[in-house]
Amino acid sequence: MRVRDIMSAKVQTIDMNEKAETAWNLMKWRRIHHVVVTDESGQVVGVVSARDLGGRDRDDARKVRPVAAMMTAYAVKAVPDMPVRQAANVMRGWNIGCLPVIEGGRLVGIVTVSDLLRIVAEGIEKPEPAVRSAKVVRAKKAAPRTAPKRPRRR
């Protein structure tokens, strides 16, 4: 199974110069946890997550800081032909919740932990049970063990 089979093609993006508050409101409104951050030319420069933007303790920061100041700058991206297992290992290794999917320098999708959990829950990658044609060999019944007799004391 490849990343293109599980990725979400509808990706929310935001310009890196927008206020972080705008990204926070977009996440709440769309009920998502990640927004891909782009520069003026539309190139992916990072991802901002709900964790990056925090809760009430970051209210003031979100109102004055741009997304670029609170995002995670990305060097890690996926391609559509990447195996799902490899994408999962990359996400686990970097401790990240999503991978932007890039093809030909263009953003074409996003893979999130939720996508991976969905395929596990659906059992898509369940291997076929192995067929065993080996002959069953029964073990011979062993003779009961008896303790050696001790010499009697006189």
Protein backbone atom coordinates (compact mmCIF):
# COMPACT_ATOMS: atom_id res chain seq x y z
CA MET A 1 0.00 0.00 0.00
CA ARG A 2 1.28 3.45 -0.92
CA VAL A 3 0.83 6.90 0.61
CA ARG A 4 -1.39 7.99 -2.31
CA ASP A 5 -3.91 5.30 -1.24
CA ILE A 6 -4.48 6.81 2.20
CA MET A 7 -3.56 10.51 1.97
CA SER A 8 -6.09 13.30 2.19
CA ALA A 9 -6.02 15.30 -1.04
CA LYS A 10 -7.82 18.28 0.50
CA VAL A 11 -5.10 20.06 2.43
CA GLN A 12 -5.57 23.26 4.39
CA THR A 13 -2.74 25.71 3.80
CA ILE A 14 -1.88 29.07 5.25
CA ASP A 15 0.67 31.71 4.31
CA MET A 16 3.62 31.92 6.67
CA ASN A 17 3.01 35.65 7.25
CA GLU A 18 -0.57 35.23 8.51
CA LYS A 19 -1.23 35.65 12.22
CA ALA A 20 -1.07 32.42 14.21
CA GLU A 21 -4.58 33.22 15.48
CA THR A 22 -5.90 32.73 11.94
CA ALA A 23 -4.39 29.24 11.79
CA TRP A 24 -5.79 28.41 15.23
CA ASN A 25 -9.31 29.49 14.21
CA LEU A 26 -9.04 27.54 10.95
CA MET A 27 -8.14 24.38 12.85
CA LYS A 28 -11.03 24.80 15.27
CA TRP A 29 -13.49 25.57 12.46
CA ARG A 30 -12.35 22.67 10.24
CA ARG A 31 -11.77 20.31 13.17
CA ILE A 32 -8.23 19.50 12.07
CA HIS A 33 -4.91 19.35 13.88
CA HIS A 34 -2.44 20.39 11.15
CA VAL A 35 -2.21 23.16 8.57
CA VAL A 36 0.51 23.18 5.91
CA VAL A 37 2.43 26.48 5.81
CA THR A 38 3.46 27.95 2.46
CA ASP A 39 5.59 30.90 1.38
CA GLU A 40 4.62 33.64 -1.09
CA SER A 41 5.37 31.35 -4.06
CA GLY A 42 3.20 28.52 -2.69
CA GLN A 43 6.12 26.26 -1.69
CA VAL A 44 5.73 24.20 1.48
CA VAL A 45 7.92 25.63 4.23
CA GLY A 46 6.46 23.91 7.28
CA VAL A 47 3.48 22.69 9.22
CA VAL A 48 1.74 24.28 12.16
CA SER A 49 -0.10 21.99 14.53
CA ALA A 50 -2.61 22.53 17.28
CA ARG A 51 0.16 21.51 19.68
CA ASP A 52 2.43 24.26 18.28
CA LEU A 53 -0.26 26.89 18.80
CA GLY A 54 -1.13 25.63 22.27
CA GLY A 55 -4.07 26.45 24.44
CA ARG A 56 -5.02 29.39 26.61
CA ASP A 57 -1.46 30.03 27.73
CA ARG A 58 -0.58 31.01 24.15
CA ASP A 59 -3.56 33.27 23.43
CA ASP A 60 -1.48 36.44 23.48
CA ALA A 61 1.30 34.94 21.37
CA ARG A 62 -1.15 33.75 18.69
CA LYS A 63 -2.59 37.26 18.36
CA VAL A 64 0.73 38.98 17.67
CA ARG A 65 3.04 36.34 16.19
CA PRO A 66 2.99 35.15 12.58
CA VAL A 67 2.53 31.48 11.72
CA ALA A 68 6.22 31.33 10.71
CA ALA A 69 7.25 32.02 14.32
CA MET A 70 5.20 29.12 15.71
CA MET A 71 5.38 26.49 12.98
CA THR A 72 7.64 23.48 12.66
CA ALA A 73 9.92 24.04 9.69
CA TYR A 74 9.78 20.92 7.56
CA ALA A 75 12.57 19.02 5.95
CA VAL A 76 10.46 15.86 6.11
CA LYS A 77 7.97 15.26 3.32
CA ALA A 78 6.43 12.25 1.62
CA VAL A 79 5.93 11.34 -2.02
CA PRO A 80 2.83 9.56 -3.31
CA ASP A 81 4.71 6.34 -4.12
CA MET A 82 6.23 6.04 -0.64
CA PRO A 83 5.16 2.82 1.13
CA VAL A 84 2.79 3.46 4.03
CA ARG A 85 5.06 1.57 6.40
CA GLN A 86 7.96 3.88 5.53
CA ALA A 87 5.78 6.97 6.05
CA ALA A 88 4.69 5.63 9.45
CA ASN A 89 8.31 4.99 10.44
CA VAL A 90 9.33 8.50 9.36
CA MET A 91 6.52 10.02 11.42
CA ARG A 92 7.42 7.89 14.42
CA GLY A 93 11.14 8.59 14.07
CA TRP A 94 10.69 12.36 13.85
CA ASN A 95 7.84 12.35 16.41
CA ILE A 96 5.52 14.24 14.07
CA GLY A 97 1.80 13.92 13.45
CA CYS A 98 1.69 14.45 9.69
CA LEU A 99 3.63 14.42 6.45
CA PRO A 100 2.90 16.79 3.57
CA VAL A 101 2.85 14.82 0.31
CA ILE A 102 4.80 16.49 -2.50
CA GLU A 103 4.85 15.52 -6.17
CA GLY A 104 6.80 17.47 -8.74
CA GLY A 105 7.45 20.23 -6.23
CA ARG A 106 3.70 20.69 -5.66
CA LEU A 107 1.64 19.89 -2.55
CA VAL A 108 -0.78 17.09 -3.47
CA GLY A 109 -1.90 15.78 -0.08
CA ILE A 110 -1.21 15.10 3.56
CA VAL A 111 -0.86 11.91 5.60
CA THR A 112 -1.72 12.11 9.29
CA VAL A 113 -1.62 9.75 12.23
CA SER A 114 -5.41 9.56 11.89
CA ASP A 115 -5.01 8.19 8.34
CA LEU A 116 -2.66 5.50 9.62
CA LEU A 117 -4.99 4.58 12.48
CA ARG A 118 -7.88 4.35 10.03
CA ILE A 119 -6.14 1.75 7.88
CA VAL A 120 -5.16 -0.24 10.96
CA ALA A 121 -8.76 -0.16 12.22
CA GLU A 122 -10.09 -1.23 8.83
CA GLY A 123 -7.58 -4.05 8.67
CA ILE A 124 -6.44 -3.19 5.16
CA GLU A 125 -2.91 -4.42 5.63
CA LYS A 126 -3.85 -7.68 7.30
CA PRO A 127 -1.67 -10.43 5.83
CA GLU A 128 -3.35 -13.51 4.45
CA PRO A 129 -3.17 -16.45 6.86
CA ALA A 130 -0.40 -18.89 5.98
CA VAL A 131 -1.53 -22.27 4.69
CA ARG A 132 0.27 -25.08 6.44
CA SER A 133 0.64 -28.33 4.63
CA ALA A 134 3.15 -29.87 6.99
CA LYS A 135 2.50 -33.42 8.12
CA VAL A 136 1.56 -33.75 11.76
CA VAL A 137 3.91 -36.09 13.57
CA ARG A 138 2.78 -37.47 16.87
CA ALA A 139 5.35 -38.02 19.55
CA LYS A 140 5.65 -41.47 21.04
CA LYS A 141 4.39 -41.78 24.54
CA ALA A 142 7.34 -41.94 26.87
CA ALA A 143 7.54 -44.62 29.54
CA PRO A 144 6.78 -43.29 33.01
CA ARG A 145 9.88 -42.31 34.91
CA THR A 146 10.53 -44.08 38.13
CA ALA A 147 13.06 -43.10 40.70
CA PRO A 148 15.95 -45.52 41.17
CA LYS A 149 15.58 -47.72 44.24
CA ARG A 150 17.70 -46.80 47.19
CA PRO A 151 19.50 -49.45 49.10
CA ARG A 152 17.87 -50.24 52.43
CA ARG A 153 19.60 -49.35 55.64
CA ARG A 154 20.06 -52.00 58.17
